[in-house]
C-alpha atoms as a PDB file:
ATOM      1  CA  MET A   1       0.077   0.009   0.018  1.00  0.00           C
ATOM      2  CA  GLN A   2       1.172   3.536  -0.601  1.00  0.00           C
ATOM      3  CA  ASN A   3       2.617   6.035   2.050  1.00  0.00           C
ATOM      4  CA  ARG A   4       0.128   8.262   4.282  1.00  0.00           C
ATOM      5  CA  ILE A   5       0.179  11.874   3.430  1.00  0.00           C
ATOM      6  CA  GLU A   6      -0.010  14.886   5.583  1.00  0.00           C
ATOM      7  CA  ILE A   7      -2.597  17.167   4.126  1.00  0.00           C
ATOM      8  CA  PRO A   8      -1.635  21.025   5.144  1.00  0.00           C
ATOM      9  CA  GLN A   9      -4.114  22.746   7.137  1.00  0.00           C
ATOM     10  CA  THR A  10      -4.171  25.459   4.573  1.00  0.00           C
ATOM     11  CA  ALA A  11      -6.059  23.055   1.922  1.00  0.00           C
ATOM     12  CA  ALA A  12      -9.386  23.553   0.647  1.00  0.00           C
ATOM     13  CA  ILE A  13     -10.876  20.682   2.458  1.00  0.00           C
ATOM     14  CA  PHE A  14     -10.286  22.221   5.781  1.00  0.00           C
ATOM     15  CA  HIS A  15     -11.797  25.712   4.603  1.00  0.00           C
ATOM     16  CA  PRO A  16     -14.619  26.578   7.218  1.00  0.00           C
ATOM     17  CA  GLU A  17     -17.038  28.576   4.894  1.00  0.00           C
ATOM     18  CA  ARG A  18     -18.526  28.511   1.704  1.00  0.00           C
ATOM     19  CA  ASP A  19     -17.966  30.999  -1.148  1.00  0.00           C
ATOM     20  CA  HIS A  20     -20.525  33.683  -0.770  1.00  0.00           C
ATOM     21  CA  THR A  21     -20.278  35.285  -4.265  1.00  0.00           C
ATOM     22  CA  THR A  22     -21.339  31.737  -6.039  1.00  0.00           C
ATOM     23  CA  THR A  23     -23.595  30.260  -3.322  1.00  0.00           C
ATOM     24  CA  THR A  24     -26.761  31.245  -1.623  1.00  0.00           C
ATOM     25  CA  GLY A  25     -28.112  30.853   1.697  1.00  0.00           C
ATOM     26  CA  LYS A  26     -29.798  27.571   0.972  1.00  0.00           C
ATOM     27  CA  TYR A  27     -26.307  25.955   0.329  1.00  0.00           C
ATOM     28  CA  VAL A  28     -25.155  24.142   3.226  1.00  0.00           C
ATOM     29  CA  LEU A  29     -21.577  22.752   3.655  1.00  0.00           C
ATOM     30  CA  THR A  30     -20.852  19.228   3.791  1.00  0.00           C
ATOM     31  CA  PRO A  31     -18.665  18.751   6.900  1.00  0.00           C
ATOM     32  CA  ASP A  32     -15.552  17.457   4.658  1.00  0.00           C
ATOM     33  CA  LYS A  33     -12.821  17.663   7.423  1.00  0.00           C
ATOM     34  CA  ASP A  34     -15.359  15.424   9.566  1.00  0.00           C
ATOM     35  CA  ILE A  35     -15.625  12.877   6.843  1.00  0.00           C
ATOM     36  CA  LEU A  36     -11.985  12.792   6.323  1.00  0.00           C
ATOM     37  CA  MET A  37     -11.401  11.954   9.879  1.00  0.00           C
ATOM     38  CA  GLU A  38     -14.339   9.581   9.835  1.00  0.00           C
ATOM     39  CA  LEU A  39     -12.781   7.659   6.726  1.00  0.00           C
ATOM     40  CA  GLN A  40      -9.236   7.711   8.273  1.00  0.00           C
ATOM     41  CA  ASP A  41     -10.854   5.806  11.638  1.00  0.00           C
ATOM     42  CA  ASN A  42     -12.314   3.164   9.158  1.00  0.00           C
ATOM     43  CA  GLY A  43      -8.938   2.760   8.067  1.00  0.00           C
ATOM     44  CA  TRP A  44      -8.702   4.800   5.134  1.00  0.00           C
ATOM     45  CA  VAL A  45      -5.661   6.373   4.399  1.00  0.00           C
ATOM     46  CA  PRO A  46      -4.976   9.571   2.499  1.00  0.00           C
ATOM     47  CA  VAL A  47      -2.189   9.251  -0.002  1.00  0.00           C
ATOM     48  CA  GLN A  48      -2.900  12.070  -2.269  1.00  0.00           C
ATOM     49  CA  TYR A  49      -4.200  15.551  -2.221  1.00  0.00           C
ATOM     50  CA  THR A  50      -4.792  18.265  -4.975  1.00  0.00           C
ATOM     51  CA  GLU A  51      -6.714  20.999  -5.372  1.00  0.00           C
ATOM     52  CA  GLN A  52      -7.371  23.663  -8.184  1.00  0.00           C
ATOM     53  CA  LYS A  53      -4.956  26.455  -8.420  1.00  0.00           C
ATOM     54  CA  ARG A  54      -6.203  29.507  -6.861  1.00  0.00           C
ATOM     55  CA  GLN A  55      -6.425  31.881  -9.541  1.00  0.00           C
ATOM     56  CA  LYS A  56      -5.661  35.543  -9.570  1.00  0.00           C
ATOM     57  CA  LYS A  57      -9.630  36.375  -9.715  1.00  0.00           C
ATOM     58  CA  THR A  58     -10.366  34.119  -6.918  1.00  0.00           C
ATOM     59  CA  LEU A  59      -8.097  35.674  -4.916  1.00  0.00           C
ATOM     60  CA  GLU A  60      -9.181  39.144  -5.459  1.00  0.00           C
ATOM     61  CA  ARG A  61     -12.925  38.001  -4.798  1.00  0.00           C
ATOM     62  CA  GLY A  62     -11.879  36.441  -1.429  1.00  0.00           C
ATOM     63  CA  ARG A  63     -12.637  33.097  -2.637  1.00  0.00           C
ATOM     64  CA  ALA A  64      -9.449  31.565  -1.744  1.00  0.00           C
ATOM     65  CA  GLY A  65      -9.685  27.901  -0.095  1.00  0.00           C
ATOM     66  CA  THR A  66     -13.148  27.269  -2.064  1.00  0.00           C
ATOM     67  CA  GLN A  67     -12.070  25.618  -4.834  1.00  0.00           C
ATOM     68  CA  LYS A  68     -12.393  21.988  -5.815  1.00  0.00           C
ATOM     69  CA  TYR A  69     -10.241  19.326  -4.139  1.00  0.00           C
ATOM     70  CA  LEU A  70      -9.582  15.518  -4.685  1.00  0.00           C
ATOM     71  CA  VAL A  71      -8.255  13.323  -1.781  1.00  0.00           C
ATOM     72  CA  ARG A  72      -7.203   9.807  -2.639  1.00  0.00           C
ATOM     73  CA  TYR A  73      -7.451   7.204   0.036  1.00  0.00           C
ATOM     74  CA  SER A  74      -6.014   3.548   0.206  1.00  0.00           C
ATOM     75  CA  HIS A  75      -6.904   0.702   2.742  1.00  0.00           C
ATOM     76  CA  PRO A  76      -4.758  -2.022   3.627  1.00  0.00           C
ATOM     77  CA  ASP A  77      -7.528  -4.540   2.869  1.00  0.00           C
ATOM     78  CA  PHE A  78      -8.019  -3.599  -0.563  1.00  0.00           C
ATOM     79  CA  THR A  79      -4.653  -4.125  -2.015  1.00  0.00           C
ATOM     80  CA  SER A  80      -3.314  -6.653  -4.499  1.00  0.00           C
ATOM     81  CA  GLU A  81       0.111  -7.176  -6.480  1.00  0.00           C
ATOM     82  CA  GLU A  82      -1.492  -5.417  -9.691  1.00  0.00           C
ATOM     83  CA  GLY A  83      -2.217  -2.187  -7.282  1.00  0.00           C
ATOM     84  CA  ASP A  84      -4.464  -0.511  -5.160  1.00  0.00           C
ATOM     85  CA  PHE A  85      -8.371   0.100  -4.695  1.00  0.00           C
ATOM     86  CA  SER A  86      -8.659   3.974  -4.317  1.00  0.00           C
ATOM     87  CA  LEU A  87     -11.524   5.922  -2.651  1.00  0.00           C
ATOM     88  CA  LEU A  88     -11.774   9.265  -4.257  1.00  0.00           C
ATOM     89  CA  GLN A  89     -13.346  12.092  -2.166  1.00  0.00           C
ATOM     90  CA  ILE A  90     -14.219  15.249  -4.387  1.00  0.00           C
ATOM     91  CA  SER A  91     -15.854  18.442  -3.410  1.00  0.00           C
ATOM     92  CA  SER A  92     -15.849  22.235  -3.401  1.00  0.00           C
ATOM     93  CA  ARG A  93     -17.022  25.149  -1.531  1.00  0.00           C
ATOM     94  CA  ASP A  94     -18.076  27.355  -4.393  1.00  0.00           C
ATOM     95  CA  GLY A  95     -21.019  25.288  -5.543  1.00  0.00           C
ATOM     96  CA  THR A  96     -19.487  23.988  -8.522  1.00  0.00           C
ATOM     97  CA  THR A  97     -19.134  20.319  -6.931  1.00  0.00           C
ATOM     98  CA  PRO A  98     -21.381  18.392  -5.095  1.00  0.00           C
ATOM     99  CA  PHE A  99     -19.669  15.985  -2.508  1.00  0.00           C
ATOM    100  CA  GLN A 100     -18.750  12.673  -4.239  1.00  0.00           C
ATOM    101  CA  LEU A 101     -17.173   9.392  -3.078  1.00  0.00           C
ATOM    102  CA  ARG A 102     -15.856   7.757  -6.332  1.00  0.00           C
ATOM    103  CA  GLY A 103     -14.034   4.259  -6.916  1.00  0.00           C
ATOM    104  CA  GLY A 104     -10.334   4.247  -8.228  1.00  0.00           C
ATOM    105  CA  PHE A 105      -7.856   2.281  -8.658  1.00  0.00           C
ATOM    106  CA  PHE A 106      -3.799   2.826  -8.640  1.00  0.00           C
ATOM    107  CA  ARG A 107      -1.417   0.691 -10.610  1.00  0.00           C
ATOM    108  CA  PHE A 108       2.124   0.115  -9.121  1.00  0.00           C
ATOM    109  CA  ALA A 109       3.840  -0.624 -12.629  1.00  0.00           C
ATOM    110  CA  CYS A 110       3.064   2.762 -13.997  1.00  0.00           C
ATOM    111  CA  ALA A 111       2.086   4.797 -10.634  1.00  0.00           C
ATOM    112  CA  ASN A 112      -0.910   5.844 -12.480  1.00  0.00           C
ATOM    113  CA  GLY A 113      -4.439   6.524 -10.994  1.00  0.00           C
ATOM    114  CA  LEU A 114      -7.576   5.267 -12.566  1.00  0.00           C
ATOM    115  CA  VAL A 115     -11.147   6.190 -12.088  1.00  0.00           C
ATOM    116  CA  VAL A 116     -13.593   3.073 -12.059  1.00  0.00           C
ATOM    117  CA  GLY A 117     -16.868   3.118 -14.034  1.00  0.00           C
ATOM    118  CA  SER A 118     -20.308   2.929 -12.584  1.00  0.00           C
ATOM    119  CA  ASP A 119     -20.197  -0.432 -14.059  1.00  0.00           C
ATOM    120  CA  ALA A 120     -18.077  -1.761 -11.091  1.00  0.00           C
ATOM    121  CA  PHE A 121     -18.405   0.863  -8.556  1.00  0.00           C
ATOM    122  CA  THR A 122     -21.349   3.317  -8.345  1.00  0.00           C
ATOM    123  CA  PRO A 123     -20.399   6.981  -7.279  1.00  0.00           C
ATOM    124  CA  PHE A 124     -22.078   8.314  -4.113  1.00  0.00           C
ATOM    125  CA  ARG A 125     -22.783  11.715  -4.474  1.00  0.00           C
ATOM    126  CA  VAL A 126     -24.330  14.371  -1.861  1.00  0.00           C
ATOM    127  CA  ARG A 127     -25.734  17.744  -2.324  1.00  0.00           C
ATOM    128  CA  HIS A 128     -24.375  20.323   0.152  1.00  0.00           C
ATOM    129  CA  LYS A 129     -27.587  20.197   2.335  1.00  0.00           C
ATOM    130  CA  GLY A 130     -25.633  19.565   5.598  1.00  0.00           C
ATOM    131  CA  ASN A 131     -24.292  16.785   7.574  1.00  0.00           C
ATOM    132  CA  ALA A 132     -23.677  13.702   5.333  1.00  0.00           C
ATOM    133  CA  ILE A 133     -21.728  11.647   7.895  1.00  0.00           C
ATOM    134  CA  ASP A 134     -24.579   9.254   8.582  1.00  0.00           C
ATOM    135  CA  ILE A 135     -25.273   8.734   4.874  1.00  0.00           C
ATOM    136  CA  ILE A 136     -21.754   8.096   4.336  1.00  0.00           C
ATOM    137  CA  ASN A 137     -21.367   5.504   7.016  1.00  0.00           C
ATOM    138  CA  GLU A 138     -24.627   3.807   5.512  1.00  0.00           C
ATOM    139  CA  PHE A 139     -22.563   3.635   2.353  1.00  0.00           C
ATOM    140  CA  MET A 140     -19.460   2.219   3.823  1.00  0.00           C
ATOM    141  CA  LYS A 141     -21.591  -0.508   5.261  1.00  0.00           C
ATOM    142  CA  GLY A 142     -21.288  -2.617   1.664  1.00  0.00           C
ATOM    143  CA  ILE A 143     -17.776  -1.235   0.791  1.00  0.00           C
ATOM    144  CA  GLN A 144     -16.450  -4.706   0.938  1.00  0.00           C
ATOM    145  CA  GLU A 145     -18.691  -5.983  -1.758  1.00  0.00           C
ATOM    146  CA  ARG A 146     -18.252  -3.142  -4.055  1.00  0.00           C
ATOM    147  CA  VAL A 147     -14.520  -3.363  -3.994  1.00  0.00           C
ATOM    148  CA  ALA A 148     -14.912  -7.117  -4.662  1.00  0.00           C
ATOM    149  CA  ASN A 149     -16.929  -6.343  -7.625  1.00  0.00           C
ATOM    150  CA  VAL A 150     -14.119  -3.838  -9.016  1.00  0.00           C
ATOM    151  CA  TYR A 151     -11.326  -6.479  -8.783  1.00  0.00           C
ATOM    152  CA  SER A 152     -13.800  -9.028 -10.243  1.00  0.00           C
ATOM    153  CA  THR A 153     -14.474  -6.617 -13.065  1.00  0.00           C
ATOM    154  CA  ILE A 154     -10.618  -6.276 -13.661  1.00  0.00           C
ATOM    155  CA  GLU A 155      -9.974  -9.968 -13.653  1.00  0.00           C
ATOM    156  CA  GLN A 156     -12.843 -10.042 -16.549  1.00  0.00           C
ATOM    157  CA  ARG A 157     -10.652  -7.370 -18.289  1.00  0.00           C
ATOM    158  CA  GLN A 158      -7.543  -9.425 -17.891  1.00  0.00           C
ATOM    159  CA  ALA A 159      -9.119 -13.024 -19.152  1.00  0.00           C
ATOM    160  CA  THR A 160     -10.989 -10.891 -22.107  1.00  0.00           C
ATOM    161  CA  GLN A 161      -8.796 -10.373 -25.392  1.00  0.00           C
ATOM    162  CA  MET A 162      -9.150  -7.868 -28.198  1.00  0.00           C
ATOM    163  CA  THR A 163      -8.525  -8.373 -31.606  1.00  0.00           C
ATOM    164  CA  GLU A 164      -6.422  -5.965 -33.541  1.00  0.00           C
ATOM    165  CA  LEU A 165      -9.660  -4.187 -35.042  1.00  0.00           C
ATOM    166  CA  GLN A 166     -10.917  -3.856 -31.957  1.00  0.00           C
ATOM    167  CA  GLN A 167      -7.876  -2.149 -30.520  1.00  0.00           C
ATOM    168  CA  ILE A 168      -7.807   0.263 -33.211  1.00  0.00           C
ATOM    169  CA  GLU A 169     -11.801   1.122 -32.785  1.00  0.00           C
ATOM    170  CA  PHE A 170     -11.294   1.519 -28.642  1.00  0.00           C
ATOM    171  CA  ALA A 171      -8.090   3.602 -29.653  1.00  0.00           C
ATOM    172  CA  ARG A 172     -10.077   5.898 -32.042  1.00  0.00           C
ATOM    173  CA  GLU A 173     -13.252   6.309 -29.460  1.00  0.00           C
ATOM    174  CA  ALA A 174     -10.822   7.092 -26.697  1.00  0.00           C
ATOM    175  CA  ILE A 175      -8.925   9.699 -28.630  1.00  0.00           C
ATOM    176  CA  GLN A 176     -12.199  11.200 -29.551  1.00  0.00           C
ATOM    177  CA  LEU A 177     -13.251  11.463 -25.943  1.00  0.00           C
ATOM    178  CA  ARG A 178      -9.907  13.071 -25.039  1.00  0.00           C
ATOM    179  CA  PHE A 179      -9.859  15.666 -27.805  1.00  0.00           C
ATOM    180  CA  PRO A 180     -13.521  16.225 -28.643  1.00  0.00           C
ATOM    181  CA  ASN A 181     -14.407  18.903 -31.491  1.00  0.00           C
ATOM    182  CA  ARG A 182     -10.998  18.538 -33.129  1.00  0.00           C
ATOM    183  CA  ASP A 183     -10.886  17.935 -37.072  1.00  0.00           C
ATOM    184  CA  SER A 184      -6.855  17.012 -36.486  1.00  0.00           C
ATOM    185  CA  LEU A 185      -5.968  13.878 -34.316  1.00  0.00           C
ATOM    186  CA  PRO A 186      -3.332  11.589 -33.402  1.00  0.00           C
ATOM    187  CA  LYS A 187      -3.154   8.336 -35.086  1.00  0.00           C
ATOM    188  CA  ALA A 188      -4.556   5.416 -33.213  1.00  0.00           C
ATOM    189  CA  GLU A 189      -1.396   3.157 -33.415  1.00  0.00           C
ATOM    190  CA  LEU A 190       0.257   5.606 -31.485  1.00  0.00           C
ATOM    191  CA  VAL A 191      -1.456   5.372 -27.985  1.00  0.00           C
ATOM    192  CA  LEU A 192      -1.554   1.475 -28.273  1.00  0.00           C
ATOM    193  CA  VAL A 193       2.338   1.236 -27.867  1.00  0.00           C
ATOM    194  CA  PRO A 194       3.217  -0.526 -24.779  1.00  0.00           C
ATOM    195  CA  ARG A 195       5.570   1.691 -22.278  1.00  0.00           C
ATOM    196  CA  ARG A 196       6.710  -1.273 -20.549  1.00  0.00           C
ATOM    197  CA  SER A 197       6.802  -5.344 -20.420  1.00  0.00           C
ATOM    198  CA  GLN A 198       3.857  -5.217 -17.926  1.00  0.00           C
ATOM    199  CA  ASP A 199       1.733  -3.403 -20.620  1.00  0.00           C
ATOM    200  CA  GLN A 200       2.114  -6.027 -23.486  1.00  0.00           C
ATOM    201  CA  GLY A 201      -0.543  -8.049 -24.658  1.00  0.00           C
ATOM    202  CA  ASP A 202      -4.218  -7.799 -26.107  1.00  0.00           C
ATOM    203  CA  SER A 203      -6.263  -8.388 -22.970  1.00  0.00           C
ATOM    204  CA  VAL A 204      -8.628  -5.335 -22.289  1.00  0.00           C
ATOM    205  CA  TRP A 205      -6.687  -4.580 -19.224  1.00  0.00           C
ATOM    206  CA  ASN A 206      -3.689  -4.150 -21.009  1.00  0.00           C
ATOM    207  CA  VAL A 207      -5.158  -2.039 -23.904  1.00  0.00           C
ATOM    208  CA  PHE A 208      -7.095  -0.007 -21.657  1.00  0.00           C
ATOM    209  CA  ASN A 209      -4.073   0.984 -19.672  1.00  0.00           C
ATOM    210  CA  ARG A 210      -1.866   1.683 -22.548  1.00  0.00           C
ATOM    211  CA  VAL A 211      -4.514   3.853 -24.216  1.00  0.00           C
ATOM    212  CA  GLN A 212      -5.219   5.640 -20.626  1.00  0.00           C
ATOM    213  CA  GLU A 213      -1.614   6.255 -20.036  1.00  0.00           C
ATOM    214  CA  HIS A 214      -1.155   7.805 -23.423  1.00  0.00           C
ATOM    215  CA  LEU A 215      -4.147  10.189 -23.426  1.00  0.00           C
ATOM    216  CA  VAL A 216      -3.451  11.025 -19.777  1.00  0.00           C
ATOM    217  CA  GLN A 217       0.351  11.990 -19.967  1.00  0.00           C
ATOM    218  CA  CYS A 218       0.645  13.113 -23.741  1.00  0.00           C
ATOM    219  CA  ASP A 219       4.241  13.234 -23.354  1.00  0.00           C
ATOM    220  CA  ARG A 220       4.549  10.801 -26.717  1.00  0.00           C
ATOM    221  CA  ILE A 221       1.896  12.314 -28.732  1.00  0.00           C
ATOM    222  CA  GLU A 222       1.711  14.924 -31.270  1.00  0.00           C
ATOM    223  CA  ILE A 223      -1.114  16.572 -32.829  1.00  0.00           C
ATOM    224  CA  PRO A 224      -1.142  17.843 -36.457  1.00  0.00           C
ATOM    225  CA  TRP A 225      -2.317  21.408 -37.136  1.00  0.00           C
ATOM    226  CA  THR A 226      -1.772  23.979 -39.729  1.00  0.00           C
ATOM    227  CA  ASN A 227      -0.745  27.762 -38.654  1.00  0.00           C
ATOM    228  CA  LYS A 228      -2.139  30.836 -40.185  1.00  0.00           C
ATOM    229  CA  HIS A 229       0.351  30.810 -43.096  1.00  0.00           C
ATOM    230  CA  GLY A 230      -0.853  27.341 -44.282  1.00  0.00           C
ATOM    231  CA  VAL A 231       2.427  25.566 -42.843  1.00  0.00           C
ATOM    232  CA  GLU A 232       1.525  22.008 -41.356  1.00  0.00           C
ATOM    233  CA  LYS A 233       3.035  21.452 -37.883  1.00  0.00           C
ATOM    234  CA  THR A 234       2.625  19.302 -34.980  1.00  0.00           C
ATOM    235  CA  ARG A 235       2.602  19.951 -31.259  1.00  0.00           C
ATOM    236  CA  LYS A 236       1.948  17.889 -27.971  1.00  0.00           C
ATOM    237  CA  PRO A 237      -0.929  18.413 -26.027  1.00  0.00           C
ATOM    238  CA  LYS A 238      -0.944  19.144 -22.063  1.00  0.00           C
ATOM    239  CA  ALA A 239      -1.096  16.313 -19.682  1.00  0.00           C
ATOM    240  CA  LEU A 240      -4.431  15.946 -17.567  1.00  0.00           C
ATOM    241  CA  SER A 241      -3.889  16.933 -13.948  1.00  0.00           C
ATOM    242  CA  THR A 242      -5.391  14.736 -11.700  1.00  0.00           C
ATOM    243  CA  LEU A 243      -8.287  16.539 -11.132  1.00  0.00           C
ATOM    244  CA  ASN A 244      -9.101  17.338 -14.663  1.00  0.00           C
ATOM    245  CA  SER A 245      -8.661  13.791 -15.712  1.00  0.00           C
ATOM    246  CA  VAL A 246     -11.300  12.478 -13.643  1.00  0.00           C
ATOM    247  CA  GLN A 247     -14.211  12.614 -16.094  1.00  0.00           C
ATOM    248  CA  PHE A 248     -12.195  11.372 -18.941  1.00  0.00           C
ATOM    249  CA  ASN A 249     -10.907   8.415 -16.875  1.00  0.00           C
ATOM    250  CA  GLU A 250     -14.435   7.435 -15.931  1.00  0.00           C
ATOM    251  CA  GLN A 251     -15.419   7.764 -19.708  1.00  0.00           C
ATOM    252  CA  LEU A 252     -12.589   5.662 -20.765  1.00  0.00           C
ATOM    253  CA  TRP A 253     -13.295   2.992 -18.349  1.00  0.00           C
ATOM    254  CA  ASN A 254     -17.035   2.892 -19.819  1.00  0.00           C
ATOM    255  CA  ALA A 255     -16.155   2.633 -23.166  1.00  0.00           C
ATOM    256  CA  SER A 256     -13.547  -0.400 -22.630  1.00  0.00           C
ATOM    257  CA  SER A 257     -16.423  -2.150 -20.741  1.00  0.00           C
ATOM    258  CA  ARG A 258     -18.091  -2.748 -24.130  1.00  0.00           C
ATOM    259  CA  TYR A 259     -15.181  -5.202 -25.083  1.00  0.00           C
ATOM    260  CA  VAL A 260     -15.501  -7.359 -21.909  1.00  0.00           C
ATOM    261  CA  VAL A 261     -17.403 -10.814 -22.250  1.00  0.00           C
END
């Protein structure tokens, strides 16, 4: 299992107030700090914390500390040779993000975080209307069955092989999800190239992980484009941050589920 981290007291998760410029009096904060403590009391260890950067406008409006954040937890009972099941806590204080707990998976081979799709782990969401601890405790009663379902789904993906045509089809769909509304896109073959020996093979799990890492990191991808003078060039897209990759990761997992038998 990964090592525990200490979340700084200045982090958004500890911010005691809502953003008054973007929320109304009906908006009641979920006790995110108390939830953090409750999860730790139940053996969940925080192993990663990240939040949106504080933009200049946010600071000027007194909204520092209300931005979106993510905590990733691991549990000693939910680890395997492949990696750790992760619990993702996501929320904000500015009314843009409901409190949510999502399933994730952290692969040891590539130190890469995945987001588990709804077919294996249904996300838990609570609108900001007050105390959510009782609801979360009820949700956590079935956590063992939920995690077991995730590992079962991974085993199914490892056991299911994809044809070459299916891999190209999946890679093209993944590229469209990552770069919507673009005419020029990278070739599907580029995101199917394995980075390490553990990623070789034609199973849904191996293909999914190859494509996911390429499209999140983007360090080996170039997109063709034409400048205003009509000269064709290529450029590297920016990597997705942990927070910004959540939606894409879930979409990619769900897209790959169609190839599992």
